[in-house]
Amino acid sequence: MADNEVDLDSIIDRLLEVRGSRPGKQVQLLESEIRFLCTKAREIFISQPILLELEAPIKICGDIHGQYYDLLRLFEYGGFPPEANYLFLGDYVDRGKQSLETICLLLAYKIKYPENFFILRGNHECASINRIYGFYDECKRRYNIKLWKTFTDCFNCLPIAAIIDEKIFTMHGGLSPDLNSMEQIRRVMRPTDVSLSCRFLVDLADLVRLAVGGFDHP
């Protein structure tokens, strides 16, 4: 399906149709529509800096973890885009039962409002993590493994951190002892697998390496 054949507004409308429904009701987009969301959003992520420089007012939101109806309630409370500007700090998938709806709505809004809606990368936007904690299985069950790989390609291009009004430094994880200047972040080339990257990126994304005896950080 060509880009000009995909109706982005229709995708958003269908994702929002379940508002007011009992939590758990799924929205089954076409696989071609999801691939469009991943591909188009990836292009936008690459075109924008890996270290975003944003301005207030902007609403900053934490982990969603596949809780799609919580995401909808968040927008009902704060205003659906473009009523408000948003910055999400990562961890959109895994654990919850509707990671696909969650990430698809976020990507759709990113495409629709690229200069007003921003999402950063968390540790669960890494293949080594979401392969284990639910997103891979959800993609495999509802679509196929190839679609999970398409998401991985998209996640590998997400920005890592953002500075708001030159004062507030935001990221999913925390400051790294190996991070000495913002220029270190700006020099990182994408796509990148954070789990294989330099230590300061691992800290910023809050990625705990999976190993024998290892654990997944909340």
Protein backbone atom coordinates (compact mmCIF):
# COMPACT_ATOMS: atom_id res chain seq x y z
CA MET A 1 0.00 0.00 0.00
CA ALA A 2 1.49 3.34 -1.09
CA ASP A 3 1.72 6.21 1.37
CA ASN A 4 -0.85 8.22 -0.55
CA GLU A 5 -3.29 5.33 -0.21
CA VAL A 6 -3.15 5.33 3.59
CA ASP A 7 -5.71 7.50 5.38
CA LEU A 8 -3.97 8.64 8.57
CA ASP A 9 -7.08 10.36 9.91
CA SER A 10 -9.05 7.14 9.46
CA ILE A 11 -6.40 5.23 11.42
CA ILE A 12 -6.60 7.73 14.28
CA ASP A 13 -10.41 7.72 14.22
CA ARG A 14 -10.54 3.92 14.44
CA LEU A 15 -8.01 3.89 17.28
CA LEU A 16 -10.16 6.40 19.16
CA GLU A 17 -13.49 4.68 18.46
CA VAL A 18 -13.07 2.47 21.52
CA ARG A 19 -13.18 5.44 23.89
CA GLY A 20 -15.82 4.72 26.49
CA SER A 21 -15.73 0.99 25.76
CA ARG A 22 -14.86 -1.60 28.33
CA PRO A 23 -11.04 -1.76 28.67
CA GLY A 24 -9.59 -4.54 26.55
CA LYS A 25 -11.54 -4.00 23.35
CA GLN A 26 -9.03 -4.25 20.53
CA VAL A 27 -8.54 -2.18 17.39
CA GLN A 28 -7.28 -4.38 14.57
CA LEU A 29 -5.60 -2.16 12.00
CA LEU A 30 -4.44 -3.55 8.68
CA GLU A 31 -0.86 -4.77 8.73
CA SER A 32 -0.12 -2.44 5.81
CA GLU A 33 -1.38 0.50 7.87
CA ILE A 34 0.89 -0.38 10.78
CA ARG A 35 3.87 -0.72 8.45
CA PHE A 36 3.05 2.73 7.10
CA LEU A 37 3.01 4.16 10.64
CA CYS A 38 6.40 2.61 11.44
CA THR A 39 8.02 3.66 8.17
CA LYS A 40 6.66 7.21 8.12
CA ALA A 41 7.40 7.83 11.80
CA ARG A 42 10.92 6.45 11.33
CA GLU A 43 11.53 9.02 8.60
CA ILE A 44 10.41 11.81 10.93
CA PHE A 45 12.55 10.55 13.83
CA ILE A 46 15.63 10.50 11.59
CA SER A 47 14.87 14.00 10.29
CA GLN A 48 14.71 15.37 13.84
CA PRO A 49 17.60 15.49 16.34
CA ILE A 50 18.40 12.57 18.63
CA LEU A 51 18.53 15.22 21.38
CA LEU A 52 15.36 17.25 21.01
CA GLU A 53 15.24 20.93 21.94
CA LEU A 54 11.65 21.79 22.88
CA GLU A 55 9.72 24.69 24.34
CA ALA A 56 7.07 24.94 27.04
CA PRO A 57 4.16 24.60 27.43
CA ILE A 58 4.40 20.85 26.93
CA LYS A 59 2.91 17.94 28.87
CA ILE A 60 5.47 15.30 29.92
CA CYS A 61 4.22 11.73 30.34
CA GLY A 62 5.84 8.58 31.72
CA ASP A 63 5.50 4.85 31.06
CA ILE A 64 2.38 3.52 29.32
CA HIS A 65 3.39 -0.17 28.99
CA GLY A 66 0.56 -1.29 26.74
CA GLN A 67 -2.20 0.13 28.95
CA TYR A 68 -4.08 1.60 26.03
CA TYR A 69 -7.13 2.74 27.93
CA ASP A 70 -4.90 4.56 30.41
CA LEU A 71 -3.38 6.39 27.43
CA LEU A 72 -6.84 7.38 26.21
CA ARG A 73 -7.75 8.65 29.68
CA LEU A 74 -4.51 10.61 29.77
CA PHE A 75 -5.50 12.39 26.56
CA GLU A 76 -9.03 12.96 27.85
CA TYR A 77 -7.53 14.66 30.89
CA GLY A 78 -4.77 16.64 29.17
CA GLY A 79 -6.38 17.25 25.80
CA PHE A 80 -6.17 15.23 22.60
CA PRO A 81 -3.55 16.45 20.14
CA PRO A 82 -3.31 19.15 18.89
CA GLU A 83 -5.04 20.72 21.90
CA ALA A 84 -1.81 20.25 23.87
CA ASN A 85 1.84 19.52 23.10
CA TYR A 86 3.21 16.24 24.45
CA LEU A 87 6.52 14.61 25.29
CA PHE A 88 6.45 10.91 26.22
CA LEU A 89 9.50 9.49 27.96
CA GLY A 90 9.48 5.90 26.69
CA ASP A 91 8.24 2.41 27.59
CA TYR A 92 5.16 2.24 25.40
CA VAL A 93 5.13 -1.54 24.95
CA ASP A 94 5.36 -4.72 27.07
CA ARG A 95 3.52 -5.85 30.20
CA GLY A 96 0.12 -4.48 29.18
CA LYS A 97 -2.22 -6.31 26.83
CA GLN A 98 -2.53 -3.62 24.15
CA SER A 99 0.94 -2.52 23.22
CA LEU A 100 0.00 -2.44 19.54
CA GLU A 101 -2.85 0.05 19.94
CA THR A 102 -0.70 2.13 22.27
CA ILE A 103 2.31 2.48 20.00
CA CYS A 104 0.18 2.85 16.87
CA LEU A 105 -1.73 5.82 18.29
CA LEU A 106 1.50 7.46 19.44
CA LEU A 107 3.12 6.97 16.04
CA ALA A 108 0.00 8.24 14.27
CA TYR A 109 0.01 11.43 16.34
CA LYS A 110 3.73 11.85 15.69
CA ILE A 111 3.10 11.71 11.96
CA LYS A 112 0.06 14.00 12.18
CA TYR A 113 1.72 16.60 14.43
CA PRO A 114 5.49 16.16 14.01
CA GLU A 115 6.40 19.52 15.61
CA ASN A 116 4.03 19.26 18.57
CA PHE A 117 4.11 15.60 19.59
CA PHE A 118 7.31 13.86 20.69
CA ILE A 119 8.21 10.41 21.99
CA LEU A 120 11.55 9.33 23.42
CA ARG A 121 13.07 5.87 23.60
CA GLY A 122 12.86 3.79 26.75
CA ASN A 123 14.46 0.47 27.58
CA HIS A 124 11.38 -1.39 26.33
CA GLU A 125 11.84 0.12 22.88
CA CYS A 126 14.80 -2.23 22.48
CA ALA A 127 14.52 -5.66 20.87
CA SER A 128 16.48 -7.41 23.62
CA ILE A 129 13.86 -6.29 26.16
CA ASN A 130 10.53 -6.41 24.31
CA ARG A 131 11.47 -9.78 22.79
CA ILE A 132 10.96 -11.16 26.31
CA TYR A 133 8.42 -8.99 28.11
CA GLY A 134 5.38 -9.24 25.87
CA PHE A 135 5.52 -7.09 22.75
CA TYR A 136 7.10 -9.76 20.55
CA ASP A 137 4.44 -12.27 21.59
CA GLU A 138 1.64 -9.76 20.97
CA CYS A 139 2.94 -9.00 17.48
CA LYS A 140 3.33 -12.71 16.73
CA ARG A 141 -0.15 -13.54 18.04
CA ARG A 142 -2.04 -10.72 16.33
CA TYR A 143 0.06 -10.30 13.17
CA ASN A 144 3.50 -11.85 12.56
CA ILE A 145 7.16 -11.70 13.57
CA LYS A 146 8.09 -9.62 10.52
CA LEU A 147 5.92 -6.80 11.86
CA TRP A 148 7.81 -6.91 15.18
CA LYS A 149 11.02 -6.48 13.21
CA THR A 150 9.49 -3.47 11.47
CA PHE A 151 8.77 -1.93 14.86
CA THR A 152 12.36 -2.65 15.90
CA ASP A 153 13.64 -0.72 12.88
CA CYS A 154 11.44 2.20 13.92
CA PHE A 155 12.44 2.07 17.60
CA ASN A 156 16.12 2.12 16.66
CA CYS A 157 15.60 5.64 15.30
CA LEU A 158 13.79 7.18 18.29
CA PRO A 159 15.33 10.21 20.00
CA ILE A 160 17.01 9.50 23.33
CA ALA A 161 16.56 12.72 25.30
CA ALA A 162 15.06 16.21 25.20
CA ILE A 163 15.89 19.62 26.64
CA ILE A 164 12.96 21.93 27.40
CA ASP A 165 13.53 25.70 27.38
CA GLU A 166 17.28 25.10 27.69
CA LYS A 167 16.69 24.23 31.35
CA ILE A 168 15.00 20.85 31.82
CA PHE A 169 16.82 17.69 30.68
CA THR A 170 14.47 14.76 30.17
CA MET A 171 15.09 11.10 29.37
CA HIS A 172 13.66 7.71 30.26
CA GLY A 173 16.47 6.59 32.53
CA GLY A 174 18.98 8.74 34.32
CA LEU A 175 22.20 10.68 34.00
CA SER A 176 25.26 8.61 33.19
CA PRO A 177 28.70 9.09 34.76
CA ASP A 178 30.03 8.65 31.21
CA LEU A 179 28.03 11.61 29.88
CA ASN A 180 30.18 14.74 29.92
CA SER A 181 28.39 16.95 27.40
CA MET A 182 25.22 17.14 25.35
CA GLU A 183 27.39 16.91 22.25
CA GLN A 184 28.03 13.23 23.03
CA ILE A 185 24.33 12.55 22.52
CA ARG A 186 24.11 14.68 19.38
CA ARG A 187 26.94 12.72 17.76
CA VAL A 188 25.17 9.36 18.05
CA MET A 189 24.19 8.02 14.64
CA ARG A 190 20.88 6.29 14.08
CA PRO A 191 19.59 3.67 13.63
CA THR A 192 21.22 2.28 16.74
CA ASP A 193 20.66 -0.70 19.00
CA VAL A 194 20.99 0.92 22.43
CA SER A 195 21.84 -2.41 24.05
CA LEU A 196 25.00 -2.55 21.92
CA SER A 197 25.83 1.14 22.22
CA CYS A 198 28.04 3.20 24.49
CA ARG A 199 27.38 3.16 28.20
CA PHE A 200 25.83 6.62 28.46
CA LEU A 201 23.08 5.66 25.98
CA VAL A 202 22.34 2.55 28.02
CA ASP A 203 21.92 4.75 31.11
CA LEU A 204 19.78 7.36 29.36
CA ALA A 205 17.41 4.69 28.06
CA ASP A 206 17.53 2.86 31.42
CA LEU A 207 18.53 -0.35 29.71
CA VAL A 208 19.69 -3.08 32.06
CA ARG A 209 21.57 -5.67 30.02
CA LEU A 210 19.89 -9.04 30.01
CA ALA A 211 22.18 -11.77 31.26
CA VAL A 212 22.15 -14.78 33.53
CA GLY A 213 20.94 -13.46 36.85
CA GLY A 214 19.96 -10.16 35.26
CA PHE A 215 16.66 -8.38 35.64
CA ASP A 216 14.42 -5.92 33.87
CA HIS A 217 14.38 -2.48 35.43
CA PRO A 218 10.84 -1.22 36.18
